[in-house]
Amino acid sequence: MDTKMPAPVLPDVADDAAAEARPLDWVGMDGLDLPLRLQDGEPPLLVPARVDVAVNLGRAGTRGIHMSRLYLLLQQQLAGEPLSAPALRRLLEACIASQQGLADRARLRIRYEHLLQRPALVSGNLGWKRYPVEVEAQLREGRLQLALGFAFEYSSTCPASAALSRQANAARFGADFAGVRPLSNEAVQAWLASERGLAATPHAQRSRAQVRVELRPSFEALPLAALVDAGEAALGTPVQTAVKREDEQAFAQANAANLMFCEDAARRIAAVLAADARIAAWQVQVAHFESLHPHDAVASVAGRNA
């Protein structure tokens, strides 16, 4: 004889009538720890991500949404399908559908760290560099809005400090070789290679660029690597990974060829973003973590593309 009792029907107070009833713009969960699948090679990678999810609550008299349904959808689909614009659209559509008429729009914020392999400047060695990424996707009236944010680090050598250093070096050269005639090429080269040949050095510092772009809808893959490459190339001095002596010398030469204030860095990155047909709007903020001062030098600029 089967004595198993039927499972009790559990109450769901989210279906109760709402006090002070009104629709709500957004309801959801912030800071969910979930795996995210990236198509960054074969096989795809799973990386840890921090996710915020929300839908609107369109029915004024309904007390709450079904949050557990959102969580289970995110857990299944973010790990099951590589991140892309179509995948995000499908996930947002599923979030809306899971609420069974309570919502007609949804949004996601996904934060994770992306590893890109970078070549050394000269030696041919390879190393890995970490890039913090934030993806924000919103589906409203069937239209997908997608924004991509990321940051990268670079070296900035101060143009004013470089000019002052050159003046100090020239003054020492003039003092050391006053009255020495004729000057041989060998003597000048030996002086430049000695400690006397460096009277002053310009100050340089690690710096950071933060970029946020609103992407046009006519694409599938998120162009993270391409945008990082373009930003780093525009500045010319991205921080390095695997470094041998020949790489370090090449890095010093790149810094000398790319002297920049924070204003210069912001304009260089802006020029790249303004010319990119994939981008509808963009924001750039740079910070030079000064070695001369205890404060940072910062600049920001934003724009929309035609």
C-alpha atoms as a PDB file:
ATOM      1  CA  MET A   1       0.000   0.000   0.000  1.00  0.00           C
ATOM      2  CA  ASP A   2       1.417   3.349  -1.042  1.00  0.00           C
ATOM      3  CA  THR A   3       1.360   5.666   1.979  1.00  0.00           C
ATOM      4  CA  LYS A   4       3.347   8.472   0.389  1.00  0.00           C
ATOM      5  CA  MET A   5       1.689  11.806   1.065  1.00  0.00           C
ATOM      6  CA  PRO A   6       1.261  14.284  -1.812  1.00  0.00           C
ATOM      7  CA  ALA A   7       3.626  17.259  -1.759  1.00  0.00           C
ATOM      8  CA  PRO A   8       2.009  20.245  -0.084  1.00  0.00           C
ATOM      9  CA  VAL A   9       1.132  23.259  -2.166  1.00  0.00           C
ATOM     10  CA  LEU A  10       3.492  25.975  -0.987  1.00  0.00           C
ATOM     11  CA  PRO A  11       2.185  29.513  -0.659  1.00  0.00           C
ATOM     12  CA  ASP A  12       3.444  32.187  -3.047  1.00  0.00           C
ATOM     13  CA  VAL A  13       2.903  35.575  -1.459  1.00  0.00           C
ATOM     14  CA  ALA A  14       4.456  37.281  -4.500  1.00  0.00           C
ATOM     15  CA  ASP A  15       1.041  36.826  -6.087  1.00  0.00           C
ATOM     16  CA  ASP A  16      -0.670  38.764  -3.298  1.00  0.00           C
ATOM     17  CA  ALA A  17      -2.165  42.170  -4.011  1.00  0.00           C
ATOM     18  CA  ALA A  18       0.355  44.972  -3.590  1.00  0.00           C
ATOM     19  CA  ALA A  19      -0.121  47.684  -1.010  1.00  0.00           C
ATOM     20  CA  GLU A  20       0.201  51.206  -2.429  1.00  0.00           C
ATOM     21  CA  ALA A  21       0.029  49.604  -5.857  1.00  0.00           C
ATOM     22  CA  ARG A  22       2.087  51.042  -8.692  1.00  0.00           C
ATOM     23  CA  PRO A  23       4.267  49.671 -11.505  1.00  0.00           C
ATOM     24  CA  LEU A  24       8.015  49.453 -10.818  1.00  0.00           C
ATOM     25  CA  ASP A  25      10.718  50.407 -13.302  1.00  0.00           C
ATOM     26  CA  TRP A  26      13.157  47.634 -12.369  1.00  0.00           C
ATOM     27  CA  VAL A  27      13.128  44.679  -9.995  1.00  0.00           C
ATOM     28  CA  GLY A  28      15.755  41.973  -9.822  1.00  0.00           C
ATOM     29  CA  MET A  29      19.024  40.835  -8.283  1.00  0.00           C
ATOM     30  CA  ASP A  30      22.529  42.352  -8.151  1.00  0.00           C
ATOM     31  CA  GLY A  31      25.852  40.623  -7.615  1.00  0.00           C
ATOM     32  CA  LEU A  32      25.059  37.076  -8.732  1.00  0.00           C
ATOM     33  CA  ASP A  33      28.159  34.866  -8.979  1.00  0.00           C
ATOM     34  CA  LEU A  34      27.798  32.769 -12.119  1.00  0.00           C
ATOM     35  CA  PRO A  35      29.931  31.018 -14.761  1.00  0.00           C
ATOM     36  CA  LEU A  36      30.136  32.733 -18.145  1.00  0.00           C
ATOM     37  CA  ARG A  37      31.016  30.943 -21.369  1.00  0.00           C
ATOM     38  CA  LEU A  38      33.335  32.766 -23.784  1.00  0.00           C
ATOM     39  CA  GLN A  39      34.075  31.689 -27.340  1.00  0.00           C
ATOM     40  CA  ASP A  40      37.751  32.633 -27.084  1.00  0.00           C
ATOM     41  CA  GLY A  41      39.171  29.566 -28.765  1.00  0.00           C
ATOM     42  CA  GLU A  42      38.439  25.854 -28.880  1.00  0.00           C
ATOM     43  CA  PRO A  43      36.954  24.647 -26.634  1.00  0.00           C
ATOM     44  CA  PRO A  44      35.037  27.662 -25.247  1.00  0.00           C
ATOM     45  CA  LEU A  45      36.113  28.907 -21.830  1.00  0.00           C
ATOM     46  CA  LEU A  46      34.119  29.173 -18.606  1.00  0.00           C
ATOM     47  CA  VAL A  47      35.081  32.209 -16.519  1.00  0.00           C
ATOM     48  CA  PRO A  48      33.653  33.569 -13.251  1.00  0.00           C
ATOM     49  CA  ALA A  49      31.324  36.550 -13.660  1.00  0.00           C
ATOM     50  CA  ARG A  50      29.316  38.901 -11.469  1.00  0.00           C
ATOM     51  CA  VAL A  51      25.846  39.491 -12.901  1.00  0.00           C
ATOM     52  CA  ASP A  52      22.993  41.929 -12.246  1.00  0.00           C
ATOM     53  CA  VAL A  53      19.567  41.141 -13.704  1.00  0.00           C
ATOM     54  CA  ALA A  54      16.280  43.032 -13.621  1.00  0.00           C
ATOM     55  CA  VAL A  55      12.886  43.208 -15.299  1.00  0.00           C
ATOM     56  CA  ASN A  56      10.183  45.800 -14.970  1.00  0.00           C
ATOM     57  CA  LEU A  57       7.056  45.026 -12.951  1.00  0.00           C
ATOM     58  CA  GLY A  58       4.334  46.311 -15.221  1.00  0.00           C
ATOM     59  CA  ARG A  59       1.271  45.185 -13.290  1.00  0.00           C
ATOM     60  CA  ALA A  60       0.591  47.797 -10.651  1.00  0.00           C
ATOM     61  CA  GLY A  61      -1.351  45.491  -8.357  1.00  0.00           C
ATOM     62  CA  THR A  62       1.095  42.550  -8.359  1.00  0.00           C
ATOM     63  CA  ARG A  63       3.325  42.395  -5.309  1.00  0.00           C
ATOM     64  CA  GLY A  64       6.514  40.882  -6.777  1.00  0.00           C
ATOM     65  CA  ILE A  65       8.262  39.165  -9.670  1.00  0.00           C
ATOM     66  CA  HIS A  66       9.548  35.570  -9.908  1.00  0.00           C
ATOM     67  CA  MET A  67      13.235  36.023  -9.051  1.00  0.00           C
ATOM     68  CA  SER A  68      14.137  32.332  -8.848  1.00  0.00           C
ATOM     69  CA  ARG A  69      13.130  31.914 -12.484  1.00  0.00           C
ATOM     70  CA  LEU A  70      15.574  34.634 -13.490  1.00  0.00           C
ATOM     71  CA  TYR A  71      18.382  33.038 -11.495  1.00  0.00           C
ATOM     72  CA  LEU A  72      17.853  29.592 -13.008  1.00  0.00           C
ATOM     73  CA  LEU A  73      17.727  31.038 -16.532  1.00  0.00           C
ATOM     74  CA  LEU A  74      20.981  32.914 -16.043  1.00  0.00           C
ATOM     75  CA  GLN A  75      22.693  29.898 -14.556  1.00  0.00           C
ATOM     76  CA  GLN A  76      21.693  27.725 -17.482  1.00  0.00           C
ATOM     77  CA  GLN A  77      22.151  30.054 -20.422  1.00  0.00           C
ATOM     78  CA  LEU A  78      25.256  32.055 -19.469  1.00  0.00           C
ATOM     79  CA  ALA A  79      27.179  28.824 -18.950  1.00  0.00           C
ATOM     80  CA  GLY A  80      25.572  26.988 -21.846  1.00  0.00           C
ATOM     81  CA  GLU A  81      26.014  29.422 -24.748  1.00  0.00           C
ATOM     82  CA  PRO A  82      29.032  31.608 -25.606  1.00  0.00           C
ATOM     83  CA  LEU A  83      28.551  35.317 -25.000  1.00  0.00           C
ATOM     84  CA  SER A  84      27.323  37.152 -28.102  1.00  0.00           C
ATOM     85  CA  ALA A  85      24.694  39.696 -29.091  1.00  0.00           C
ATOM     86  CA  PRO A  86      22.196  37.027 -30.280  1.00  0.00           C
ATOM     87  CA  ALA A  87      22.752  34.998 -27.094  1.00  0.00           C
ATOM     88  CA  LEU A  88      22.063  38.059 -24.956  1.00  0.00           C
ATOM     89  CA  ARG A  89      18.868  38.801 -26.888  1.00  0.00           C
ATOM     90  CA  ARG A  90      17.633  35.245 -26.368  1.00  0.00           C
ATOM     91  CA  LEU A  91      18.416  35.405 -22.658  1.00  0.00           C
ATOM     92  CA  LEU A  92      16.620  38.731 -22.192  1.00  0.00           C
ATOM     93  CA  GLU A  93      13.595  37.437 -24.109  1.00  0.00           C
ATOM     94  CA  ALA A  94      13.544  34.381 -21.847  1.00  0.00           C
ATOM     95  CA  CYS A  95      13.739  36.601 -18.748  1.00  0.00           C
ATOM     96  CA  ILE A  96      10.672  38.537 -19.899  1.00  0.00           C
ATOM     97  CA  ALA A  97       8.775  35.369 -20.835  1.00  0.00           C
ATOM     98  CA  SER A  98       9.552  33.772 -17.450  1.00  0.00           C
ATOM     99  CA  GLN A  99       7.489  36.440 -15.710  1.00  0.00           C
ATOM    100  CA  GLN A 100       4.295  35.364 -17.507  1.00  0.00           C
ATOM    101  CA  GLY A 101       3.013  38.806 -18.411  1.00  0.00           C
ATOM    102  CA  LEU A 102       4.411  40.765 -15.474  1.00  0.00           C
ATOM    103  CA  ALA A 103       7.244  42.328 -17.506  1.00  0.00           C
ATOM    104  CA  ASP A 104       7.896  43.608 -21.006  1.00  0.00           C
ATOM    105  CA  ARG A 105      11.531  44.683 -20.699  1.00  0.00           C
ATOM    106  CA  ALA A 106      14.710  43.254 -19.136  1.00  0.00           C
ATOM    107  CA  ARG A 107      18.325  44.195 -18.578  1.00  0.00           C
ATOM    108  CA  LEU A 108      21.610  42.515 -17.684  1.00  0.00           C
ATOM    109  CA  ARG A 109      24.987  43.704 -16.452  1.00  0.00           C
ATOM    110  CA  ILE A 110      27.827  41.206 -16.679  1.00  0.00           C
ATOM    111  CA  ARG A 111      31.256  41.906 -15.193  1.00  0.00           C
ATOM    112  CA  TYR A 112      34.208  39.607 -15.715  1.00  0.00           C
ATOM    113  CA  GLU A 113      37.935  39.627 -16.424  1.00  0.00           C
ATOM    114  CA  HIS A 114      39.117  38.721 -19.907  1.00  0.00           C
ATOM    115  CA  LEU A 115      42.593  37.294 -20.511  1.00  0.00           C
ATOM    116  CA  LEU A 116      44.304  38.147 -23.789  1.00  0.00           C
ATOM    117  CA  GLN A 117      47.666  36.751 -24.854  1.00  0.00           C
ATOM    118  CA  ARG A 118      50.078  39.497 -25.861  1.00  0.00           C
ATOM    119  CA  PRO A 119      53.418  39.233 -27.741  1.00  0.00           C
ATOM    120  CA  ALA A 120      56.608  40.800 -26.441  1.00  0.00           C
ATOM    121  CA  LEU A 121      57.874  43.784 -28.406  1.00  0.00           C
ATOM    122  CA  VAL A 122      61.050  42.167 -29.751  1.00  0.00           C
ATOM    123  CA  SER A 123      61.900  38.799 -28.185  1.00  0.00           C
ATOM    124  CA  GLY A 124      58.901  36.893 -29.506  1.00  0.00           C
ATOM    125  CA  ASN A 125      57.810  35.699 -26.063  1.00  0.00           C
ATOM    126  CA  LEU A 126      54.129  35.616 -25.139  1.00  0.00           C
ATOM    127  CA  GLY A 127      52.353  36.563 -21.924  1.00  0.00           C
ATOM    128  CA  TRP A 128      48.825  37.025 -20.592  1.00  0.00           C
ATOM    129  CA  LYS A 129      47.180  40.300 -19.657  1.00  0.00           C
ATOM    130  CA  ARG A 130      43.937  40.818 -17.746  1.00  0.00           C
ATOM    131  CA  TYR A 131      41.252  43.237 -18.929  1.00  0.00           C
ATOM    132  CA  PRO A 132      38.213  44.055 -16.762  1.00  0.00           C
ATOM    133  CA  VAL A 133      35.040  43.978 -18.873  1.00  0.00           C
ATOM    134  CA  GLU A 134      31.441  45.055 -18.309  1.00  0.00           C
ATOM    135  CA  VAL A 135      28.646  44.179 -20.716  1.00  0.00           C
ATOM    136  CA  GLU A 136      25.266  45.884 -20.331  1.00  0.00           C
ATOM    137  CA  ALA A 137      22.328  44.635 -22.386  1.00  0.00           C
ATOM    138  CA  GLN A 138      18.741  45.857 -22.323  1.00  0.00           C
ATOM    139  CA  LEU A 139      15.724  44.664 -24.293  1.00  0.00           C
ATOM    140  CA  ARG A 140      12.903  47.182 -24.585  1.00  0.00           C
ATOM    141  CA  GLU A 141      10.027  46.967 -27.073  1.00  0.00           C
ATOM    142  CA  GLY A 142      11.942  44.287 -28.954  1.00  0.00           C
ATOM    143  CA  ARG A 143      15.004  46.508 -29.430  1.00  0.00           C
ATOM    144  CA  LEU A 144      18.347  45.344 -28.058  1.00  0.00           C
ATOM    145  CA  GLN A 145      20.607  48.022 -26.595  1.00  0.00           C
ATOM    146  CA  LEU A 146      24.130  46.821 -25.950  1.00  0.00           C
ATOM    147  CA  ALA A 147      27.061  48.576 -24.277  1.00  0.00           C
ATOM    148  CA  LEU A 148      30.587  47.274 -23.781  1.00  0.00           C
ATOM    149  CA  GLY A 149      32.986  48.675 -21.199  1.00  0.00           C
ATOM    150  CA  PHE A 150      36.621  47.749 -20.655  1.00  0.00           C
ATOM    151  CA  ALA A 151      39.872  49.126 -19.264  1.00  0.00           C
ATOM    152  CA  PHE A 152      43.525  48.774 -20.190  1.00  0.00           C
ATOM    153  CA  GLU A 153      46.807  50.020 -18.743  1.00  0.00           C
ATOM    154  CA  TYR A 154      49.612  51.841 -20.472  1.00  0.00           C
ATOM    155  CA  SER A 155      52.713  53.878 -19.685  1.00  0.00           C
ATOM    156  CA  SER A 156      52.688  57.664 -19.970  1.00  0.00           C
ATOM    157  CA  THR A 157      55.853  59.756 -20.089  1.00  0.00           C
ATOM    158  CA  CYS A 158      55.375  63.454 -19.351  1.00  0.00           C
ATOM    159  CA  PRO A 159      56.249  65.767 -22.296  1.00  0.00           C
ATOM    160  CA  ALA A 160      57.122  68.666 -19.974  1.00  0.00           C
ATOM    161  CA  SER A 161      59.434  66.480 -17.909  1.00  0.00           C
ATOM    162  CA  ALA A 162      61.023  65.148 -21.088  1.00  0.00           C
ATOM    163  CA  ALA A 163      61.750  68.683 -22.331  1.00  0.00           C
ATOM    164  CA  LEU A 164      63.311  69.644 -18.987  1.00  0.00           C
ATOM    165  CA  SER A 165      65.404  66.469 -19.018  1.00  0.00           C
ATOM    166  CA  ARG A 166      66.687  67.175 -22.517  1.00  0.00           C
ATOM    167  CA  GLN A 167      67.680  70.676 -21.413  1.00  0.00           C
ATOM    168  CA  ALA A 168      69.569  69.292 -18.402  1.00  0.00           C
ATOM    169  CA  ASN A 169      71.316  66.708 -20.578  1.00  0.00           C
ATOM    170  CA  ALA A 170      72.303  69.368 -23.115  1.00  0.00           C
ATOM    171  CA  ALA A 171      73.645  71.634 -20.349  1.00  0.00           C
ATOM    172  CA  ARG A 172      75.828  68.857 -18.939  1.00  0.00           C
ATOM    173  CA  PHE A 173      77.097  68.007 -22.402  1.00  0.00           C
ATOM    174  CA  GLY A 174      78.036  71.645 -22.950  1.00  0.00           C
ATOM    175  CA  ALA A 175      79.850  71.785 -19.595  1.00  0.00           C
ATOM    176  CA  ASP A 176      81.714  68.491 -20.067  1.00  0.00           C
ATOM    177  CA  PHE A 177      82.857  69.292 -23.612  1.00  0.00           C
ATOM    178  CA  ALA A 178      83.501  73.029 -23.266  1.00  0.00           C
ATOM    179  CA  GLY A 179      86.742  73.779 -25.050  1.00  0.00           C
ATOM    180  CA  VAL A 180      87.163  70.242 -26.360  1.00  0.00           C
ATOM    181  CA  ARG A 181      87.982  70.521 -30.025  1.00  0.00           C
ATOM    182  CA  PRO A 182      87.716  68.657 -32.272  1.00  0.00           C
ATOM    183  CA  LEU A 183      84.839  66.479 -31.043  1.00  0.00           C
ATOM    184  CA  SER A 184      85.086  62.914 -32.271  1.00  0.00           C
ATOM    185  CA  ASN A 185      82.072  60.735 -32.886  1.00  0.00           C
ATOM    186  CA  GLU A 186      83.590  58.068 -30.656  1.00  0.00           C
ATOM    187  CA  ALA A 187      84.015  60.472 -27.722  1.00  0.00           C
ATOM    188  CA  VAL A 188      80.411  61.689 -27.936  1.00  0.00           C
ATOM    189  CA  GLN A 189      79.071  58.135 -28.151  1.00  0.00           C
ATOM    190  CA  ALA A 190      81.156  57.080 -25.150  1.00  0.00           C
ATOM    191  CA  TRP A 191      79.879  60.088 -23.157  1.00  0.00           C
ATOM    192  CA  LEU A 192      76.256  59.369 -24.053  1.00  0.00           C
ATOM    193  CA  ALA A 193      76.666  55.731 -22.980  1.00  0.00           C
ATOM    194  CA  SER A 194      78.187  56.717 -19.635  1.00  0.00           C
ATOM    195  CA  GLU A 195      76.410  57.834 -16.464  1.00  0.00           C
ATOM    196  CA  ARG A 196      77.445  61.410 -17.293  1.00  0.00           C
ATOM    197  CA  GLY A 197      75.298  61.194 -20.417  1.00  0.00           C
ATOM    198  CA  LEU A 198      72.094  61.094 -18.392  1.00  0.00           C
ATOM    199  CA  ALA A 199      71.724  64.211 -16.301  1.00  0.00           C
ATOM    200  CA  ALA A 200      67.962  63.819 -15.901  1.00  0.00           C
ATOM    201  CA  THR A 201      65.175  61.428 -16.859  1.00  0.00           C
ATOM    202  CA  PRO A 202      61.541  62.338 -17.512  1.00  0.00           C
ATOM    203  CA  HIS A 203      58.971  60.958 -15.109  1.00  0.00           C
ATOM    204  CA  ALA A 204      56.642  58.250 -16.347  1.00  0.00           C
ATOM    205  CA  GLN A 205      53.886  56.282 -14.698  1.00  0.00           C
ATOM    206  CA  ARG A 206      51.476  53.437 -15.165  1.00  0.00           C
ATOM    207  CA  SER A 207      48.197  54.818 -16.482  1.00  0.00           C
ATOM    208  CA  ARG A 208      44.714  53.500 -17.142  1.00  0.00           C
ATOM    209  CA  ALA A 209      42.104  54.079 -19.833  1.00  0.00           C
ATOM    210  CA  GLN A 210      38.456  53.243 -19.197  1.00  0.00           C
ATOM    211  CA  VAL A 211      36.283  52.960 -22.290  1.00  0.00           C
ATOM    212  CA  ARG A 212      32.557  52.453 -22.701  1.00  0.00           C
ATOM    213  CA  VAL A 213      30.905  52.094 -26.105  1.00  0.00           C
ATOM    214  CA  GLU A 214      27.316  51.687 -27.224  1.00  0.00           C
ATOM    215  CA  LEU A 215      27.328  49.194 -30.084  1.00  0.00           C
ATOM    216  CA  ARG A 216      25.190  49.320 -33.189  1.00  0.00           C
ATOM    217  CA  PRO A 217      22.716  46.421 -33.509  1.00  0.00           C
ATOM    218  CA  SER A 218      24.036  44.995 -36.809  1.00  0.00           C
ATOM    219  CA  PHE A 219      26.649  42.598 -35.416  1.00  0.00           C
ATOM    220  CA  GLU A 220      26.911  39.337 -33.515  1.00  0.00           C
ATOM    221  CA  ALA A 221      30.320  39.040 -31.837  1.00  0.00           C
ATOM    222  CA  LEU A 222      31.356  41.522 -29.163  1.00  0.00           C
ATOM    223  CA  PRO A 223      34.441  43.311 -30.585  1.00  0.00           C
ATOM    224  CA  LEU A 224      36.381  43.380 -27.316  1.00  0.00           C
ATOM    225  CA  ALA A 225      39.791  42.227 -28.551  1.00  0.00           C
ATOM    226  CA  ALA A 226      39.616  44.472 -31.630  1.00  0.00           C
ATOM    227  CA  LEU A 227      38.752  47.555 -29.553  1.00  0.00           C
ATOM    228  CA  VAL A 228      41.472  46.815 -26.997  1.00  0.00           C
ATOM    229  CA  ASP A 229      44.005  46.379 -29.800  1.00  0.00           C
ATOM    230  CA  ALA A 230      42.944  49.664 -31.400  1.00  0.00           C
ATOM    231  CA  GLY A 231      43.157  51.594 -28.115  1.00  0.00           C
ATOM    232  CA  GLU A 232      46.552  50.192 -27.195  1.00  0.00           C
ATOM    233  CA  ALA A 233      47.902  50.852 -30.683  1.00  0.00           C
ATOM    234  CA  ALA A 234      46.669  54.457 -30.555  1.00  0.00           C
ATOM    235  CA  LEU A 235      48.692  55.117 -27.409  1.00  0.00           C
ATOM    236  CA  GLY A 236      51.714  53.053 -28.400  1.00  0.00           C
ATOM    237  CA  THR A 237      52.813  52.158 -24.865  1.00  0.00           C
ATOM    238  CA  PRO A 238      50.630  49.340 -23.465  1.00  0.00           C
ATOM    239  CA  VAL A 239      52.090  47.684 -20.375  1.00  0.00           C
ATOM    240  CA  GLN A 240      53.976  44.510 -21.172  1.00  0.00           C
ATOM    241  CA  THR A 241      53.914  40.919 -19.939  1.00  0.00           C
ATOM    242  CA  ALA A 242      56.952  38.747 -20.765  1.00  0.00           C
ATOM    243  CA  VAL A 243      59.944  41.118 -20.931  1.00  0.00           C
ATOM    244  CA  LYS A 244      63.580  40.444 -21.871  1.00  0.00           C
ATOM    245  CA  ARG A 245      66.211  43.201 -22.033  1.00  0.00           C
ATOM    246  CA  GLU A 246      65.587  43.815 -25.707  1.00  0.00           C
ATOM    247  CA  ASP A 247      61.862  44.207 -24.969  1.00  0.00           C
ATOM    248  CA  GLU A 248      62.561  46.658 -22.156  1.00  0.00           C
ATOM    249  CA  GLN A 249      64.738  48.770 -24.436  1.00  0.00           C
ATOM    250  CA  ALA A 250      62.031  48.761 -27.109  1.00  0.00           C
ATOM    251  CA  PHE A 251      59.492  49.803 -24.464  1.00  0.00           C
ATOM    252  CA  ALA A 252      61.698  52.740 -23.435  1.00  0.00           C
ATOM    253  CA  GLN A 253      61.954  53.748 -27.083  1.00  0.00           C
ATOM    254  CA  ALA A 254      58.171  53.517 -27.494  1.00  0.00           C
ATOM    255  CA  ASN A 255      57.714  55.810 -24.494  1.00  0.00           C
ATOM    256  CA  ALA A 256      60.160  58.347 -25.964  1.00  0.00           C
ATOM    257  CA  ALA A 257      58.217  58.272 -29.248  1.00  0.00           C
ATOM    258  CA  ASN A 258      54.855  58.675 -27.495  1.00  0.00           C
ATOM    259  CA  LEU A 259      55.232  61.422 -24.907  1.00  0.00           C
ATOM    260  CA  MET A 260      51.749  62.276 -23.666  1.00  0.00           C
ATOM    261  CA  PHE A 261      49.751  64.276 -21.185  1.00  0.00           C
ATOM    262  CA  CYS A 262      46.450  62.789 -20.058  1.00  0.00           C
ATOM    263  CA  GLU A 263      44.778  65.178 -22.525  1.00  0.00           C
ATOM    264  CA  ASP A 264      46.782  63.670 -25.383  1.00  0.00           C
ATOM    265  CA  ALA A 265      45.891  60.111 -24.351  1.00  0.00           C
ATOM    266  CA  ALA A 266      42.158  60.878 -24.169  1.00  0.00           C
ATOM    267  CA  ARG A 267      42.205  62.470 -27.626  1.00  0.00           C
ATOM    268  CA  ARG A 268      44.105  59.563 -29.195  1.00  0.00           C
ATOM    269  CA  ILE A 269      41.611  56.986 -27.960  1.00  0.00           C
ATOM    270  CA  ALA A 270      38.654  59.216 -28.866  1.00  0.00           C
ATOM    271  CA  ALA A 271      39.908  59.513 -32.444  1.00  0.00           C
ATOM    272  CA  VAL A 272      39.932  55.719 -32.797  1.00  0.00           C
ATOM    273  CA  LEU A 273      36.433  55.275 -31.361  1.00  0.00           C
ATOM    274  CA  ALA A 274      34.963  58.138 -33.392  1.00  0.00           C
ATOM    275  CA  ALA A 275      36.121  56.416 -36.598  1.00  0.00           C
ATOM    276  CA  ASP A 276      34.701  52.959 -35.749  1.00  0.00           C
ATOM    277  CA  ALA A 277      31.534  52.091 -37.672  1.00  0.00           C
ATOM    278  CA  ARG A 278      30.514  49.489 -35.061  1.00  0.00           C
ATOM    279  CA  ILE A 279      30.086  52.163 -32.401  1.00  0.00           C
ATOM    280  CA  ALA A 280      27.072  54.450 -31.937  1.00  0.00           C
ATOM    281  CA  ALA A 281      28.368  56.378 -28.910  1.00  0.00           C
ATOM    282  CA  TRP A 282      31.456  56.285 -26.711  1.00  0.00           C
ATOM    283  CA  GLN A 283      33.034  57.543 -23.500  1.00  0.00           C
ATOM    284  CA  VAL A 284      36.711  57.661 -22.548  1.00  0.00           C
ATOM    285  CA  GLN A 285      38.309  58.423 -19.198  1.00  0.00           C
ATOM    286  CA  VAL A 286      42.040  58.256 -18.615  1.00  0.00           C
ATOM    287  CA  ALA A 287      44.010  58.537 -15.387  1.00  0.00           C
ATOM    288  CA  HIS A 288      47.773  59.013 -15.104  1.00  0.00           C
ATOM    289  CA  PHE A 289      48.872  57.811 -11.665  1.00  0.00           C
ATOM    290  CA  GLU A 290      51.499  60.500 -11.289  1.00  0.00           C
ATOM    291  CA  SER A 291      54.982  59.728 -10.004  1.00  0.00           C
ATOM    292  CA  LEU A 292      55.653  63.463  -9.577  1.00  0.00           C
ATOM    293  CA  HIS A 293      52.527  64.256  -7.518  1.00  0.00           C
ATOM    294  CA  PRO A 294      50.491  62.389  -4.896  1.00  0.00           C
ATOM    295  CA  HIS A 295      47.384  62.957  -7.031  1.00  0.00           C
ATOM    296  CA  ASP A 296      46.277  61.664 -10.442  1.00  0.00           C
ATOM    297  CA  ALA A 297      46.012  63.580 -13.709  1.00  0.00           C
ATOM    298  CA  VAL A 298      42.702  62.743 -15.423  1.00  0.00           C
ATOM    299  CA  ALA A 299      40.812  63.584 -18.621  1.00  0.00           C
ATOM    300  CA  SER A 300      37.534  62.440 -20.119  1.00  0.00           C
ATOM    301  CA  VAL A 301      35.638  62.887 -23.366  1.00  0.00           C
ATOM    302  CA  ALA A 302      32.451  61.458 -24.899  1.00  0.00           C
ATOM    303  CA  GLY A 303      30.770  61.567 -28.280  1.00  0.00           C
ATOM    304  CA  ARG A 304      28.264  60.047 -30.694  1.00  0.00           C
ATOM    305  CA  ASN A 305      29.061  58.758 -34.156  1.00  0.00           C
ATOM    306  CA  ALA A 306      27.033  59.678 -37.206  1.00  0.00           C
END
